[in-house]
Protein backbone atom coordinates (compact mmCIF):
# COMPACT_ATOMS: atom_id res chain seq x y z
CA MET A 1 -26.11 0.13 -12.95
CA THR A 2 -24.71 2.26 -10.01
CA ASP A 3 -23.86 2.20 -6.49
CA ALA A 4 -24.45 5.37 -4.67
CA ARG A 5 -22.91 4.31 -1.52
CA ALA A 6 -19.11 5.14 -0.80
CA PRO A 7 -17.15 2.15 0.34
CA ASP A 8 -15.11 2.20 3.46
CA SER A 9 -11.92 3.25 1.76
CA LEU A 10 -13.79 6.34 0.11
CA THR A 11 -14.98 7.24 3.40
CA ARG A 12 -11.59 7.46 4.98
CA LEU A 13 -10.55 9.59 2.07
CA ARG A 14 -13.82 12.11 2.71
CA PRO A 15 -14.09 12.17 6.32
CA PRO A 16 -17.75 13.00 7.30
CA ALA A 17 -16.75 16.06 9.21
CA LEU A 18 -15.15 17.68 5.99
CA GLN A 19 -17.51 16.48 3.52
CA HIS A 20 -19.06 19.84 2.79
CA SER A 21 -16.17 22.13 3.56
CA HIS A 22 -13.75 23.56 1.11
CA GLY A 23 -12.04 26.13 3.20
CA ALA A 24 -10.03 26.49 6.24
CA ASP A 25 -10.89 23.03 7.63
CA ARG A 26 -8.95 21.12 4.91
CA PRO A 27 -5.55 20.36 6.11
CA SER A 28 -2.46 21.52 4.28
CA GLY A 29 1.11 20.43 3.74
CA PRO A 30 2.85 18.09 1.40
CA SER A 31 1.69 14.98 3.02
CA ASP A 32 -1.68 16.02 3.06
CA LEU A 33 -2.47 16.37 -0.95
CA PRO A 34 -5.87 15.06 -2.00
CA PRO A 35 -6.27 11.55 -3.40
CA VAL A 36 -5.54 10.93 -6.95
CA VAL A 37 -7.92 9.54 -9.62
CA CYS A 38 -6.00 6.97 -11.57
CA CYS A 39 -7.79 7.24 -14.75
CA ASP A 40 -7.39 4.63 -17.63
CA LEU A 41 -7.64 6.45 -21.30
CA ASP A 42 -8.75 3.74 -23.97
CA GLY A 43 -12.53 2.98 -23.14
CA VAL A 44 -12.60 5.62 -20.55
CA VAL A 45 -11.81 9.14 -21.88
CA TRP A 46 -11.76 7.87 -25.73
CA ARG A 47 -12.32 4.85 -27.95
CA GLY A 48 -9.97 4.72 -30.91
CA GLU A 49 -9.87 8.21 -32.08
CA ALA A 50 -13.10 9.20 -31.03
CA SER A 51 -13.87 10.97 -27.56
CA ILE A 52 -16.24 9.35 -25.32
CA PRO A 53 -19.09 11.97 -24.75
CA GLY A 54 -18.76 13.80 -21.45
CA SER A 55 -15.34 12.72 -20.47
CA ALA A 56 -13.54 16.12 -20.90
CA ASP A 57 -16.16 17.94 -18.65
CA ALA A 58 -15.90 14.95 -16.15
CA LEU A 59 -12.31 15.55 -15.75
CA HIS A 60 -12.62 19.07 -15.48
CA ALA A 61 -15.27 18.70 -12.83
CA LEU A 62 -12.99 16.15 -10.63
CA ARG A 63 -10.01 18.57 -10.81
CA ALA A 64 -12.59 21.57 -9.72
CA ALA A 65 -13.70 19.30 -6.80
CA GLY A 66 -10.12 19.03 -5.55
CA TRP A 67 -9.07 15.40 -7.15
CA ARG A 68 -5.63 15.13 -8.55
CA ILE A 69 -5.55 13.52 -11.88
CA ALA A 70 -3.28 10.73 -13.20
CA PHE A 71 -3.79 9.25 -16.63
CA VAL A 72 -2.67 5.62 -16.05
CA THR A 73 -2.27 3.63 -19.30
CA ASN A 74 -1.44 0.22 -20.54
CA ASN A 75 -1.18 1.56 -24.20
CA SER A 76 2.52 1.88 -24.26
CA SER A 77 2.60 3.11 -27.98
CA LEU A 78 2.71 7.03 -27.72
CA ARG A 79 5.21 9.08 -26.16
CA VAL A 80 4.28 11.36 -23.31
CA ALA A 81 4.24 14.45 -25.09
CA ASP A 82 1.95 12.62 -27.80
CA TYR A 83 -0.31 11.67 -25.06
CA VAL A 84 -0.44 15.22 -23.71
CA GLU A 85 -1.10 16.50 -27.29
CA ARG A 86 -3.83 13.89 -27.68
CA LEU A 87 -5.49 14.82 -24.46
CA GLU A 88 -5.33 18.51 -25.46
CA GLY A 89 -7.11 17.54 -28.69
CA HIS A 90 -10.07 15.96 -26.79
CA GLY A 91 -10.39 19.28 -24.55
CA ILE A 92 -8.51 17.85 -21.77
CA ARG A 93 -5.64 19.72 -20.12
CA ALA A 94 -2.76 17.36 -18.91
CA ALA A 95 0.82 17.81 -17.49
CA PRO A 96 3.81 15.28 -18.79
CA ASP A 97 3.87 14.18 -15.26
CA GLU A 98 0.25 13.28 -14.76
CA MET A 99 1.03 10.39 -17.43
CA CYS A 100 1.83 7.14 -16.30
CA THR A 101 2.36 4.55 -18.92
CA SER A 102 2.99 0.88 -19.10
CA ALA A 103 5.94 1.71 -21.12
CA GLN A 104 7.66 3.66 -18.37
CA ALA A 105 7.03 0.74 -15.87
CA ALA A 106 8.52 -1.67 -18.31
CA ALA A 107 11.39 0.59 -18.75
CA VAL A 108 12.11 0.81 -15.02
CA VAL A 109 11.80 -3.05 -14.83
CA VAL A 110 14.52 -3.64 -17.66
CA ALA A 111 16.83 -0.87 -16.19
CA ALA A 112 16.96 -2.67 -12.71
CA LYS A 113 18.14 -5.89 -14.48
CA VAL A 114 20.60 -5.04 -17.23
CA PRO A 115 23.46 -2.59 -17.29
CA ALA A 116 23.35 0.75 -18.19
CA GLY A 117 23.51 1.37 -21.65
CA ALA A 118 22.22 -2.15 -22.53
CA SER A 119 20.71 -2.91 -25.63
CA VAL A 120 17.07 -3.62 -25.54
CA LEU A 121 15.17 -4.87 -28.71
CA ALA A 122 11.96 -2.94 -28.74
CA CYS A 123 9.07 -4.98 -30.29
CA ALA A 124 6.80 -1.90 -29.67
CA GLY A 125 6.12 1.67 -30.32
CA ALA A 126 7.66 4.98 -29.87
CA GLY A 127 6.49 5.20 -26.17
CA VAL A 128 8.71 2.22 -25.37
CA VAL A 129 11.63 3.64 -27.04
CA GLU A 130 11.40 6.95 -25.30
CA ALA A 131 11.00 5.17 -21.97
CA LEU A 132 14.01 2.98 -22.54
CA GLU A 133 16.18 5.78 -23.39
CA SER A 134 14.90 8.10 -20.58
CA CYS A 135 16.41 5.28 -18.29
CA GLY A 136 19.67 5.22 -20.07
CA LEU A 137 19.01 2.04 -22.28
CA HIS A 138 19.84 1.68 -25.91
CA ALA A 139 16.87 0.82 -27.96
CA VAL A 140 17.38 -1.39 -31.03
CA ASP A 141 15.01 -3.26 -33.60
CA ALA A 142 17.09 -6.38 -34.05
CA PRO A 143 19.11 -8.83 -31.92
CA PRO A 144 21.48 -9.17 -30.38
CA ALA A 145 20.07 -7.56 -27.27
CA ASP A 146 20.10 -7.91 -23.60
CA ALA A 147 16.58 -7.56 -23.13
CA VAL A 148 13.47 -7.63 -25.32
CA VAL A 149 10.38 -5.26 -24.58
CA VAL A 150 6.76 -6.32 -26.11
CA GLY A 151 4.21 -3.73 -26.19
CA PHE A 152 1.27 -2.68 -28.26
CA HIS A 153 2.02 -1.20 -31.82
CA ARG A 154 -0.03 -1.66 -35.23
CA ASP A 155 2.98 -2.61 -37.41
CA PHE A 156 3.69 -5.88 -35.54
CA ASP A 157 4.43 -8.45 -38.50
CA PHE A 158 6.20 -11.77 -38.96
CA GLU A 159 9.64 -10.11 -39.15
CA GLY A 160 9.11 -8.36 -36.04
CA LEU A 161 8.00 -11.62 -34.02
CA THR A 162 10.98 -13.64 -35.66
CA ARG A 163 13.55 -11.00 -34.26
CA ALA A 164 11.95 -10.77 -30.91
CA ALA A 165 11.62 -14.69 -30.29
CA ASP A 166 15.22 -15.16 -31.62
CA ALA A 167 16.62 -12.61 -29.00
CA VAL A 168 14.50 -14.16 -26.25
CA ARG A 169 15.50 -17.78 -27.39
CA ALA A 170 18.95 -16.49 -26.99
CA GLY A 171 18.74 -15.49 -23.20
CA ALA A 172 17.62 -11.77 -23.51
CA LEU A 173 15.49 -10.73 -20.58
CA TYR A 174 11.69 -10.96 -21.61
CA VAL A 175 9.32 -8.16 -20.51
CA ALA A 176 5.68 -7.38 -21.62
CA THR A 177 4.49 -3.83 -21.11
CA ASN A 178 0.89 -5.65 -20.25
CA LEU A 179 -1.35 -8.58 -21.29
CA ASP A 180 -4.46 -7.09 -22.31
CA PRO A 181 -5.58 -9.15 -24.83
CA THR A 182 -7.68 -6.52 -26.85
CA TYR A 183 -7.69 -2.77 -27.42
CA PRO A 184 -11.22 -0.97 -27.72
CA VAL A 185 -11.90 0.85 -30.86
CA PRO A 186 -15.14 2.58 -31.97
CA ASP A 187 -16.40 -0.59 -34.08
CA GLY A 188 -15.20 -3.28 -31.50
CA MET A 189 -11.88 -4.68 -30.69
CA ILE A 190 -8.28 -5.06 -32.18
CA PRO A 191 -5.63 -7.24 -30.78
CA GLY A 192 -3.78 -5.75 -27.85
CA ALA A 193 -0.49 -5.96 -26.25
CA GLY A 194 -1.15 -9.58 -24.72
CA ALA A 195 -1.85 -10.88 -28.08
CA LEU A 196 1.33 -9.80 -29.46
CA ALA A 197 3.19 -11.07 -26.32
CA ALA A 198 1.43 -14.36 -26.59
CA ALA A 199 2.87 -14.70 -30.33
CA VAL A 200 6.47 -14.02 -29.00
CA SER A 201 6.08 -16.46 -25.92
CA THR A 202 4.64 -19.29 -28.33
CA ALA A 203 7.33 -18.63 -30.52
CA SER A 204 10.33 -18.45 -27.78
CA SER A 205 8.68 -20.86 -25.30
CA ARG A 206 9.23 -18.24 -22.59
CA SER A 207 6.86 -16.08 -20.54
CA PRO A 208 7.52 -12.30 -19.87
CA VAL A 209 7.96 -10.39 -16.87
CA VAL A 210 4.79 -8.11 -17.08
CA ALA A 211 5.16 -4.42 -16.02
CA GLY A 212 1.85 -2.68 -16.65
CA LYS A 213 -1.47 -3.06 -15.01
CA PRO A 214 -2.48 -4.96 -12.91
CA GLU A 215 1.12 -5.77 -11.90
CA ARG A 216 3.49 -4.71 -8.95
CA PRO A 217 5.84 -2.71 -11.08
CA MET A 218 3.02 -0.32 -12.28
CA ALA A 219 1.70 -0.09 -8.76
CA ASP A 220 4.98 0.97 -7.38
CA LEU A 221 5.37 3.61 -10.23
CA VAL A 222 1.91 5.03 -9.39
CA ARG A 223 2.77 5.07 -5.69
CA SER A 224 6.20 6.62 -5.96
CA ARG A 225 4.76 9.44 -8.23
CA TYR A 226 1.43 10.16 -6.62
CA GLY A 227 1.09 8.75 -3.05
CA HIS A 228 -0.59 6.14 -1.24
CA ARG A 229 -4.27 7.25 -1.72
CA GLY A 230 -6.54 7.05 -4.67
CA VAL A 231 -9.21 5.61 -6.92
CA VAL A 232 -8.62 3.41 -9.92
CA VAL A 233 -11.02 4.34 -12.88
CA GLY A 234 -11.35 1.71 -15.69
CA ASP A 235 -13.24 -0.11 -18.29
CA ARG A 236 -11.50 -3.71 -17.72
CA PRO A 237 -12.27 -5.40 -14.61
CA SER A 238 -9.39 -7.84 -15.19
CA THR A 239 -6.86 -5.28 -15.45
CA ASP A 240 -8.12 -2.09 -14.06
CA GLY A 241 -9.92 -3.73 -11.12
CA ALA A 242 -6.98 -6.04 -10.52
CA PHE A 243 -4.88 -2.99 -10.25
CA ALA A 244 -6.97 -1.49 -7.81
CA HIS A 245 -6.60 -4.56 -5.75
CA THR A 246 -3.01 -4.54 -5.94
CA LEU A 247 -2.85 -0.83 -4.81
CA GLY A 248 -5.53 -1.55 -2.25
CA TRP A 249 -7.41 1.23 -3.66
CA PRO A 250 -11.11 1.44 -4.47
CA PHE A 251 -12.22 0.46 -8.21
CA ALA A 252 -14.56 2.46 -10.32
CA LEU A 253 -15.86 0.61 -13.34
CA VAL A 254 -17.08 2.27 -16.48
CA MET A 255 -19.01 0.75 -19.17
CA SER A 256 -17.72 2.55 -22.14
CA GLY A 257 -15.12 0.57 -23.11
CA VAL A 258 -14.26 -3.28 -22.71
CA ALA A 259 -16.88 -3.94 -20.03
CA GLY A 260 -20.26 -3.16 -21.90
CA SER A 261 -18.98 -4.12 -25.31
CA ALA A 262 -20.02 -7.30 -27.25
CA GLY A 263 -17.53 -9.85 -26.53
CA GLY A 264 -15.98 -7.87 -23.60
CA GLU A 265 -15.90 -8.43 -19.92
CA PRO A 266 -19.01 -8.75 -17.70
CA VAL A 267 -19.25 -6.66 -14.33
CA PRO A 268 -17.80 -8.93 -11.44
CA ASP A 269 -19.76 -10.59 -9.01
CA PRO A 270 -19.46 -9.19 -6.39
CA ALA A 271 -19.62 -5.81 -8.31
CA PRO A 272 -16.85 -3.02 -7.58
CA PRO A 273 -17.78 -0.06 -5.35
CA PHE A 274 -18.64 2.22 -8.25
CA VAL A 275 -20.20 1.01 -11.48
CA ALA A 276 -21.16 3.92 -13.91
CA ALA A 277 -21.93 4.11 -17.66
CA ASP A 278 -19.22 6.29 -18.45
CA LEU A 279 -16.75 8.83 -16.51
CA ALA A 280 -19.59 11.46 -17.04
CA ALA A 281 -21.99 9.40 -14.82
CA LEU A 282 -19.34 8.35 -12.29
CA VAL A 283 -18.25 12.12 -11.10
CA PRO A 284 -21.36 12.43 -8.82
CA MET A 285 -20.64 9.32 -7.12
CA LEU A 286 -17.12 10.26 -6.32
CA GLY A 287 -17.75 13.60 -4.99
CA PRO A 288 -15.08 15.84 -3.43
CA PRO A 289 -11.97 14.34 -1.96
CA PHE A 290 -10.48 15.56 1.32
CA PRO A 291 -6.80 14.95 2.37
CA VAL A 292 -6.46 12.91 5.49
CA PRO A 293 -3.34 11.62 7.36
CA ALA A 294 -1.84 8.54 5.77
CA SER A 295 -2.33 6.59 9.00
CA ASP A 296 -5.83 7.01 8.56
CA ALA A 297 -6.13 6.09 4.85
CA LYS A 298 -6.12 2.21 5.39
CA ALA A 299 -6.20 0.06 2.52
CA PRO A 300 -9.18 -1.97 1.89
CA THR A 301 -8.95 -5.79 1.92
CA GLY A 302 -9.95 -6.07 -1.70
CA ASN A 303 -12.31 -4.94 -4.12
């Protein structure tokens, strides 16, 4: 299923007079950077440990066409350097500042609400620990704690649930990196951060502040790093599509992850501006970007 027409928001990013120009007609200057493709990872670039065919070449083609790339993921389990190394292992070059994770968004949320150096119980992976420490916070694995951050990690167990719930019940700030219920792997789905947070919420009778996609903290982080013009590419309409709406950007849905999987999410009705089988099939629809003054890049009213 595809939609070859560019929505009005993409037309504003690619002015008709410049659609075929790659030379002197392009504006220049810090405020005229090309729009950014905010690309999800799980279900878009890879599925579990397996590359999704064509994803590396697709990202290379987008860069060659002039798009900036940011890898915006709700998977908080890995450190930034681990993500860069993993992308390189899949044939994709990436710089650390192109990584934007829900762990980082969660750490920003916590740092704004607790004192510097506060203890934060990380019911999460190494990515959350790294992000907390980079914000001047002290990651711990047991109470007492001023805050609790719950994120995806494969060694979640009853003892970890007990420690997190105890700290939340004792009054700690409770933050979830995201509420994605599942995580796509080659042979199906496994529980995601939302499933882990649901357990902590049930055991503590508290609801978390949510930092990652599609919530405002992640949108604010993206805008602060990459500007106000771009496209969101993802495989989960309820998360990536909603995140595009939060940003006021077009959504490009790929059917290589949660959408398109048995028991996954259907294509929304109405469909988003772009729907493609995978990232490789999406590239021809996006075409080359061209920078325009920010005043001309009005946000769409919805997806």
